[in-house]
């Protein structure tokens, strides 16, 4: 699984996502996008850059920690990863 923040300091996250989807070795990995805006979801959908899920980053630190913990619980409890 790849957790991708779209607002990277040196590279556009959408560009990186395109590179991931173009790479034969990475293409099959599920990508979860971490974004500060729900607008990014519409942009990615319009560009047909398929991702498994979107997480909107809360600005509050405590809320952010809560989101990360929820993601961790989801991955550990509900997802069966390929061997």
PDB file of N, CA and C in Angstrom:
ATOM      1  N   UNK A   1       0.838  -1.173   0.000  1.00  0.00           N
ATOM      2  CA  UNK A   1       0.000   0.000   0.000  1.00  0.00           C
ATOM      3  C   UNK A   1       0.883   1.237   0.000  1.00  0.00           C
ATOM      4  N   UNK A   2       0.425   2.245  -0.722  1.00  0.00           N
ATOM      5  CA  UNK A   2       1.132   3.518  -0.764  1.00  0.00           C
ATOM      6  C   UNK A   2       0.212   4.586  -0.196  1.00  0.00           C
ATOM      7  N   UNK A   3       0.683   5.306   0.797  1.00  0.00           N
ATOM      8  CA  UNK A   3      -0.031   6.455   1.346  1.00  0.00           C
ATOM      9  C   UNK A   3       0.641   7.684   0.750  1.00  0.00           C
ATOM     10  N   UNK A   4      -0.074   8.421  -0.086  1.00  0.00           N
ATOM     11  CA  UNK A   4       0.507   9.509  -0.862  1.00  0.00           C
ATOM     12  C   UNK A   4      -0.112  10.842  -0.493  1.00  0.00           C
ATOM     13  N   UNK A   5       0.714  11.747  -0.022  1.00  0.00           N
ATOM     14  CA  UNK A   5       0.282  13.121   0.241  1.00  0.00           C
ATOM     15  C   UNK A   5       0.412  13.892  -1.068  1.00  0.00           C
ATOM     16  N   UNK A   6      -0.651  14.543  -1.500  1.00  0.00           N
ATOM     17  CA  UNK A   6      -0.600  15.268  -2.769  1.00  0.00           C
ATOM     18  C   UNK A   6       0.210  16.554  -2.693  1.00  0.00           C
ATOM     19  N   UNK A   7       0.376  17.088  -1.501  1.00  0.00           N
ATOM     20  CA  UNK A   7       1.091  18.352  -1.373  1.00  0.00           C
ATOM     21  C   UNK A   7       2.506  18.107  -0.869  1.00  0.00           C
ATOM     22  N   UNK A   8       3.319  17.585  -1.764  1.00  0.00           N
ATOM     23  CA  UNK A   8       4.711  17.310  -1.439  1.00  0.00           C
ATOM     24  C   UNK A   8       5.540  18.575  -1.640  1.00  0.00           C
ATOM     25  N   UNK A   9       6.624  18.721  -0.889  1.00  0.00           N
ATOM     26  CA  UNK A   9       7.395  19.965  -0.983  1.00  0.00           C
ATOM     27  C   UNK A   9       8.168  20.142  -2.294  1.00  0.00           C
ATOM     28  N   UNK A  10       8.643  19.054  -2.905  1.00  0.00           N
ATOM     29  CA  UNK A  10       9.495  19.204  -4.082  1.00  0.00           C
ATOM     30  C   UNK A  10       8.884  18.662  -5.365  1.00  0.00           C
ATOM     31  N   UNK A  11       7.797  17.908  -5.253  1.00  0.00           N
ATOM     32  CA  UNK A  11       7.208  17.292  -6.439  1.00  0.00           C
ATOM     33  C   UNK A  11       5.697  17.283  -6.302  1.00  0.00           C
ATOM     34  N   UNK A  12       5.015  17.529  -7.387  1.00  0.00           N
ATOM     35  CA  UNK A  12       3.560  17.510  -7.384  1.00  0.00           C
ATOM     36  C   UNK A  12       3.083  16.076  -7.149  1.00  0.00           C
ATOM     37  N   UNK A  13       2.197  15.890  -6.191  1.00  0.00           N
ATOM     38  CA  UNK A  13       1.703  14.561  -5.850  1.00  0.00           C
ATOM     39  C   UNK A  13       0.972  13.883  -6.988  1.00  0.00           C
ATOM     40  N   UNK A  14       0.264  14.665  -7.812  1.00  0.00           N
ATOM     41  CA  UNK A  14      -0.431  14.086  -8.962  1.00  0.00           C
ATOM     42  C   UNK A  14       0.568  13.524  -9.960  1.00  0.00           C
ATOM     43  N   UNK A  15       1.671  14.235 -10.152  1.00  0.00           N
ATOM     44  CA  UNK A  15       2.711  13.756 -11.057  1.00  0.00           C
ATOM     45  C   UNK A  15       3.297  12.442 -10.533  1.00  0.00           C
ATOM     46  N   UNK A  16       3.543  12.387  -9.226  1.00  0.00           N
ATOM     47  CA  UNK A  16       4.063  11.161  -8.628  1.00  0.00           C
ATOM     48  C   UNK A  16       3.061  10.017  -8.772  1.00  0.00           C
ATOM     49  N   UNK A  17       1.783  10.304  -8.591  1.00  0.00           N
ATOM     50  CA  UNK A  17       0.753   9.282  -8.752  1.00  0.00           C
ATOM     51  C   UNK A  17       0.745   8.756 -10.188  1.00  0.00           C
ATOM     52  N   UNK A  18       0.891   9.638 -11.169  1.00  0.00           N
ATOM     53  CA  UNK A  18       0.974   9.207 -12.566  1.00  0.00           C
ATOM     54  C   UNK A  18       2.160   8.264 -12.766  1.00  0.00           C
ATOM     55  N   UNK A  19       3.293   8.602 -12.148  1.00  0.00           N
ATOM     56  CA  UNK A  19       4.485   7.763 -12.269  1.00  0.00           C
ATOM     57  C   UNK A  19       4.266   6.393 -11.630  1.00  0.00           C
ATOM     58  N   UNK A  20       3.592   6.378 -10.477  1.00  0.00           N
ATOM     59  CA  UNK A  20       3.293   5.110  -9.798  1.00  0.00           C
ATOM     60  C   UNK A  20       2.412   4.247 -10.688  1.00  0.00           C
ATOM     61  N   UNK A  21       1.365   4.831 -11.245  1.00  0.00           N
ATOM     62  CA  UNK A  21       0.426   4.073 -12.076  1.00  0.00           C
ATOM     63  C   UNK A  21       1.060   3.630 -13.395  1.00  0.00           C
ATOM     64  N   UNK A  22       2.100   4.335 -13.855  1.00  0.00           N
ATOM     65  CA  UNK A  22       2.783   3.963 -15.099  1.00  0.00           C
ATOM     66  C   UNK A  22       3.846   2.892 -14.873  1.00  0.00           C
ATOM     67  N   UNK A  23       4.299   2.730 -13.637  1.00  0.00           N
ATOM     68  CA  UNK A  23       5.355   1.770 -13.333  1.00  0.00           C
ATOM     69  C   UNK A  23       4.744   0.377 -13.137  1.00  0.00           C
ATOM     70  N   UNK A  24       5.164  -0.552 -13.967  1.00  0.00           N
ATOM     71  CA  UNK A  24       4.606  -1.903 -13.921  1.00  0.00           C
ATOM     72  C   UNK A  24       4.759  -2.565 -12.552  1.00  0.00           C
ATOM     73  N   UNK A  25       5.855  -2.272 -11.861  1.00  0.00           N
ATOM     74  CA  UNK A  25       6.103  -2.888 -10.554  1.00  0.00           C
ATOM     75  C   UNK A  25       5.229  -2.297  -9.455  1.00  0.00           C
ATOM     76  N   UNK A  26       4.799  -1.042  -9.611  1.00  0.00           N
ATOM     77  CA  UNK A  26       4.034  -0.364  -8.567  1.00  0.00           C
ATOM     78  C   UNK A  26       2.540  -0.281  -8.863  1.00  0.00           C
ATOM     79  N   UNK A  27       2.176  -0.436 -10.104  1.00  0.00           N
ATOM     80  CA  UNK A  27       0.803  -0.220 -10.558  1.00  0.00           C
ATOM     81  C   UNK A  27      -0.228  -0.989  -9.744  1.00  0.00           C
ATOM     82  N   UNK A  28       0.100  -2.204  -9.294  1.00  0.00           N
ATOM     83  CA  UNK A  28      -0.859  -3.031  -8.572  1.00  0.00           C
ATOM     84  C   UNK A  28      -1.023  -2.696  -7.104  1.00  0.00           C
ATOM     85  N   UNK A  29      -0.158  -1.838  -6.581  1.00  0.00           N
ATOM     86  CA  UNK A  29      -0.259  -1.483  -5.162  1.00  0.00           C
ATOM     87  C   UNK A  29      -1.419  -0.515  -4.934  1.00  0.00           C
ATOM     88  N   UNK A  30      -2.196  -0.750  -3.891  1.00  0.00           N
ATOM     89  CA  UNK A  30      -3.270   0.202  -3.588  1.00  0.00           C
ATOM     90  C   UNK A  30      -2.688   1.536  -3.134  1.00  0.00           C
ATOM     91  N   UNK A  31      -3.286   2.627  -3.616  1.00  0.00           N
ATOM     92  CA  UNK A  31      -2.839   3.970  -3.260  1.00  0.00           C
ATOM     93  C   UNK A  31      -3.953   4.667  -2.495  1.00  0.00           C
ATOM     94  N   UNK A  32      -3.601   5.173  -1.331  1.00  0.00           N
ATOM     95  CA  UNK A  32      -4.519   5.992  -0.542  1.00  0.00           C
ATOM     96  C   UNK A  32      -3.960   7.401  -0.542  1.00  0.00           C
ATOM     97  N   UNK A  33      -4.769   8.350  -1.004  1.00  0.00           N
ATOM     98  CA  UNK A  33      -4.329   9.732  -1.125  1.00  0.00           C
ATOM     99  C   UNK A  33      -4.677  10.498   0.141  1.00  0.00           C
ATOM    100  N   UNK A  34      -3.686  11.189   0.652  1.00  0.00           N
ATOM    101  CA  UNK A  34      -3.845  12.079   1.799  1.00  0.00           C
ATOM    102  C   UNK A  34      -3.833  13.491   1.247  1.00  0.00           C
ATOM    103  N   UNK A  35      -4.887  14.239   1.477  1.00  0.00           N
ATOM    104  CA  UNK A  35      -5.021  15.561   0.890  1.00  0.00           C
ATOM    105  C   UNK A  35      -5.617  16.545   1.890  1.00  0.00           C
ATOM    106  N   UNK A  36      -5.376  17.807   1.654  1.00  0.00           N
ATOM    107  CA  UNK A  36      -5.932  18.837   2.524  1.00  0.00           C
ATOM    108  C   UNK A  36      -7.281  19.335   2.009  1.00  0.00           C
ATOM    109  N   UNK A  37      -7.692  18.838   0.845  1.00  0.00           N
ATOM    110  CA  UNK A  37      -8.886  19.383   0.217  1.00  0.00           C
ATOM    111  C   UNK A  37      -9.686  18.294  -0.494  1.00  0.00           C
ATOM    112  N   UNK A  38     -11.001  18.380  -0.393  1.00  0.00           N
ATOM    113  CA  UNK A  38     -11.853  17.449  -1.137  1.00  0.00           C
ATOM    114  C   UNK A  38     -11.826  17.775  -2.628  1.00  0.00           C
ATOM    115  N   UNK A  39     -11.364  18.948  -2.992  1.00  0.00           N
ATOM    116  CA  UNK A  39     -11.235  19.335  -4.401  1.00  0.00           C
ATOM    117  C   UNK A  39     -10.276  18.403  -5.133  1.00  0.00           C
ATOM    118  N   UNK A  40      -9.233  17.949  -4.444  1.00  0.00           N
ATOM    119  CA  UNK A  40      -8.267  17.056  -5.075  1.00  0.00           C
ATOM    120  C   UNK A  40      -8.927  15.777  -5.582  1.00  0.00           C
ATOM    121  N   UNK A  41      -9.919  15.280  -4.854  1.00  0.00           N
ATOM    122  CA  UNK A  41     -10.603  14.066  -5.274  1.00  0.00           C
ATOM    123  C   UNK A  41     -11.220  14.264  -6.652  1.00  0.00           C
ATOM    124  N   UNK A  42     -11.888  15.385  -6.860  1.00  0.00           N
ATOM    125  CA  UNK A  42     -12.517  15.663  -8.150  1.00  0.00           C
ATOM    126  C   UNK A  42     -11.471  15.791  -9.254  1.00  0.00           C
ATOM    127  N   UNK A  43     -10.336  16.414  -8.936  1.00  0.00           N
ATOM    128  CA  UNK A  43      -9.262  16.568  -9.925  1.00  0.00           C
ATOM    129  C   UNK A  43      -8.726  15.206 -10.327  1.00  0.00           C
ATOM    130  N   UNK A  44      -8.435  14.347  -9.349  1.00  0.00           N
ATOM    131  CA  UNK A  44      -7.902  13.020  -9.650  1.00  0.00           C
ATOM    132  C   UNK A  44      -8.898  12.197 -10.459  1.00  0.00           C
ATOM    133  N   UNK A  45     -10.168  12.305 -10.111  1.00  0.00           N
ATOM    134  CA  UNK A  45     -11.178  11.558 -10.853  1.00  0.00           C
ATOM    135  C   UNK A  45     -11.275  12.055 -12.291  1.00  0.00           C
ATOM    136  N   UNK A  46     -11.198  13.368 -12.492  1.00  0.00           N
ATOM    137  CA  UNK A  46     -11.285  13.914 -13.846  1.00  0.00           C
ATOM    138  C   UNK A  46     -10.066  13.530 -14.676  1.00  0.00           C
ATOM    139  N   UNK A  47      -8.924  13.345 -14.019  1.00  0.00           N
ATOM    140  CA  UNK A  47      -7.708  12.947 -14.718  1.00  0.00           C
ATOM    141  C   UNK A  47      -7.584  11.428 -14.827  1.00  0.00           C
ATOM    142  N   UNK A  48      -8.603  10.727 -14.321  1.00  0.00           N
ATOM    143  CA  UNK A  48      -8.643   9.258 -14.354  1.00  0.00           C
ATOM    144  C   UNK A  48      -7.428   8.617 -13.680  1.00  0.00           C
ATOM    145  N   UNK A  49      -6.974   9.232 -12.591  1.00  0.00           N
ATOM    146  CA  UNK A  49      -5.890   8.676 -11.787  1.00  0.00           C
ATOM    147  C   UNK A  49      -6.530   7.919 -10.631  1.00  0.00           C
ATOM    148  N   UNK A  50      -6.726   6.637 -10.826  1.00  0.00           N
ATOM    149  CA  UNK A  50      -7.485   5.824  -9.881  1.00  0.00           C
ATOM    150  C   UNK A  50      -6.701   5.570  -8.597  1.00  0.00           C
ATOM    151  N   UNK A  51      -7.372   5.806  -7.482  1.00  0.00           N
ATOM    152  CA  UNK A  51      -6.818   5.498  -6.168  1.00  0.00           C
ATOM    153  C   UNK A  51      -7.877   4.718  -5.397  1.00  0.00           C
ATOM    154  N   UNK A  52      -7.432   4.021  -4.363  1.00  0.00           N
ATOM    155  CA  UNK A  52      -8.359   3.199  -3.582  1.00  0.00           C
ATOM    156  C   UNK A  52      -9.186   4.019  -2.602  1.00  0.00           C
ATOM    157  N   UNK A  53      -8.601   5.100  -2.075  1.00  0.00           N
ATOM    158  CA  UNK A  53      -9.321   5.899  -1.080  1.00  0.00           C
ATOM    159  C   UNK A  53      -8.701   7.287  -0.964  1.00  0.00           C
ATOM    160  N   UNK A  54      -9.458   8.181  -0.370  1.00  0.00           N
ATOM    161  CA  UNK A  54      -9.002   9.539  -0.090  1.00  0.00           C
ATOM    162  C   UNK A  54      -9.165   9.799   1.397  1.00  0.00           C
ATOM    163  N   UNK A  55      -8.172  10.413   1.988  1.00  0.00           N
ATOM    164  CA  UNK A  55      -8.273  10.862   3.374  1.00  0.00           C
ATOM    165  C   UNK A  55      -7.995  12.354   3.380  1.00  0.00           C
ATOM    166  N   UNK A  56      -8.930  13.124   3.919  1.00  0.00           N
ATOM    167  CA  UNK A  56      -8.722  14.565   4.026  1.00  0.00           C
ATOM    168  C   UNK A  56      -7.999  14.827   5.338  1.00  0.00           C
ATOM    169  N   UNK A  57      -6.847  15.514   5.223  1.00  0.00           N
ATOM    170  CA  UNK A  57      -6.031  15.799   6.409  1.00  0.00           C
ATOM    171  C   UNK A  57      -6.711  16.860   7.268  1.00  0.00           C
ATOM    172  N   UNK A  58      -6.965  16.545   8.515  1.00  0.00           N
ATOM    173  CA  UNK A  58      -7.457  17.584   9.423  1.00  0.00           C
ATOM    174  C   UNK A  58      -6.309  18.537   9.762  1.00  0.00           C
ATOM    175  N   UNK A  59      -6.633  19.785   9.998  1.00  0.00           N
ATOM    176  CA  UNK A  59      -5.589  20.740  10.366  1.00  0.00           C
ATOM    177  C   UNK A  59      -5.195  20.615  11.829  1.00  0.00           C
ATOM    178  N   UNK A  60      -6.096  20.130  12.638  1.00  0.00           N
ATOM    179  CA  UNK A  60      -5.831  19.947  14.056  1.00  0.00           C
ATOM    180  C   UNK A  60      -4.983  18.687  14.265  1.00  0.00           C
ATOM    181  N   UNK A  61      -3.942  18.790  15.045  1.00  0.00           N
ATOM    182  CA  UNK A  61      -3.016  17.681  15.265  1.00  0.00           C
ATOM    183  C   UNK A  61      -3.718  16.465  15.869  1.00  0.00           C
ATOM    184  N   UNK A  62      -4.557  16.665  16.857  1.00  0.00           N
ATOM    185  CA  UNK A  62      -5.260  15.549  17.501  1.00  0.00           C
ATOM    186  C   UNK A  62      -6.165  14.823  16.508  1.00  0.00           C
ATOM    187  N   UNK A  63      -6.854  15.581  15.665  1.00  0.00           N
ATOM    188  CA  UNK A  63      -7.718  14.966  14.660  1.00  0.00           C
ATOM    189  C   UNK A  63      -6.884  14.188  13.646  1.00  0.00           C
ATOM    190  N   UNK A  64      -5.726  14.723  13.287  1.00  0.00           N
ATOM    191  CA  UNK A  64      -4.839  14.037  12.352  1.00  0.00           C
ATOM    192  C   UNK A  64      -4.387  12.695  12.934  1.00  0.00           C
ATOM    193  N   UNK A  65      -3.992  12.701  14.202  1.00  0.00           N
ATOM    194  CA  UNK A  65      -3.572  11.466  14.866  1.00  0.00           C
ATOM    195  C   UNK A  65      -4.732  10.467  14.866  1.00  0.00           C
ATOM    196  N   UNK A  66      -5.935  10.950  15.094  1.00  0.00           N
ATOM    197  CA  UNK A  66      -7.114  10.081  15.093  1.00  0.00           C
ATOM    198  C   UNK A  66      -7.327   9.442  13.716  1.00  0.00           C
ATOM    199  N   UNK A  67      -7.155  10.219  12.661  1.00  0.00           N
ATOM    200  CA  UNK A  67      -7.303   9.692  11.298  1.00  0.00           C
ATOM    201  C   UNK A  67      -6.260   8.613  11.026  1.00  0.00           C
ATOM    202  N   UNK A  68      -5.016   8.859  11.419  1.00  0.00           N
ATOM    203  CA  UNK A  68      -3.945   7.888  11.206  1.00  0.00           C
ATOM    204  C   UNK A  68      -4.220   6.613  11.996  1.00  0.00           C
ATOM    205  N   UNK A  69      -4.689   6.738  13.226  1.00  0.00           N
ATOM    206  CA  UNK A  69      -5.011   5.552  14.026  1.00  0.00           C
ATOM    207  C   UNK A  69      -6.152   4.761  13.388  1.00  0.00           C
ATOM    208  N   UNK A  70      -7.143   5.456  12.851  1.00  0.00           N
ATOM    209  CA  UNK A  70      -8.255   4.778  12.180  1.00  0.00           C
ATOM    210  C   UNK A  70      -7.767   4.023  10.958  1.00  0.00           C
ATOM    211  N   UNK A  71      -6.878   4.640  10.204  1.00  0.00           N
ATOM    212  CA  UNK A  71      -6.312   3.981   9.035  1.00  0.00           C
ATOM    213  C   UNK A  71      -5.531   2.736   9.449  1.00  0.00           C
ATOM    214  N   UNK A  72      -4.781   2.850  10.497  1.00  0.00           N
ATOM    215  CA  UNK A  72      -3.996   1.712  10.988  1.00  0.00           C
ATOM    216  C   UNK A  72      -4.911   0.558  11.407  1.00  0.00           C
ATOM    217  N   UNK A  73      -5.981   0.884  12.138  1.00  0.00           N
ATOM    218  CA  UNK A  73      -6.935  -0.154  12.549  1.00  0.00           C
ATOM    219  C   UNK A  73      -7.555  -0.821  11.327  1.00  0.00           C
ATOM    220  N   UNK A  74      -7.916  -0.020  10.346  1.00  0.00           N
ATOM    221  CA  UNK A  74      -8.505  -0.547   9.114  1.00  0.00           C
ATOM    222  C   UNK A  74      -7.543  -1.518   8.434  1.00  0.00           C
ATOM    223  N   UNK A  75      -6.311  -1.122   8.309  1.00  0.00           N
ATOM    224  CA  UNK A  75      -5.332  -1.959   7.618  1.00  0.00           C
ATOM    225  C   UNK A  75      -5.028  -3.235   8.386  1.00  0.00           C
ATOM    226  N   UNK A  76      -4.964  -3.145   9.695  1.00  0.00           N
ATOM    227  CA  UNK A  76      -4.619  -4.315  10.491  1.00  0.00           C
ATOM    228  C   UNK A  76      -5.800  -5.266  10.675  1.00  0.00           C
ATOM    229  N   UNK A  77      -7.016  -4.742  10.684  1.00  0.00           N
ATOM    230  CA  UNK A  77      -8.164  -5.577  11.007  1.00  0.00           C
ATOM    231  C   UNK A  77      -8.942  -6.058   9.778  1.00  0.00           C
ATOM    232  N   UNK A  78      -9.069  -5.208   8.784  1.00  0.00           N
ATOM    233  CA  UNK A  78     -10.024  -5.499   7.717  1.00  0.00           C
ATOM    234  C   UNK A  78      -9.408  -5.858   6.377  1.00  0.00           C
ATOM    235  N   UNK A  79      -8.158  -5.573   6.189  1.00  0.00           N
ATOM    236  CA  UNK A  79      -7.565  -5.768   4.877  1.00  0.00           C
ATOM    237  C   UNK A  79      -6.711  -7.030   4.863  1.00  0.00           C
ATOM    238  N   UNK A  80      -6.911  -7.828   3.846  1.00  0.00           N
ATOM    239  CA  UNK A  80      -6.077  -9.004   3.644  1.00  0.00           C
ATOM    240  C   UNK A  80      -5.097  -8.639   2.551  1.00  0.00           C
ATOM    241  N   UNK A  81      -3.838  -8.549   2.923  1.00  0.00           N
ATOM    242  CA  UNK A  81      -2.805  -8.170   1.979  1.00  0.00           C
ATOM    243  C   UNK A  81      -2.292  -9.410   1.258  1.00  0.00           C
ATOM    244  N   UNK A  82      -1.965  -9.273  -0.039  1.00  0.00           N
ATOM    245  CA  UNK A  82      -1.430 -10.428  -0.773  1.00  0.00           C
ATOM    246  C   UNK A  82      -0.078 -10.868  -0.210  1.00  0.00           C
ATOM    247  N   UNK A  83       0.193 -12.140  -0.328  1.00  0.00           N
ATOM    248  CA  UNK A  83       1.450 -12.689   0.189  1.00  0.00           C
ATOM    249  C   UNK A  83       2.607 -12.358  -0.715  1.00  0.00           C
TER     250      UNK A  83
END
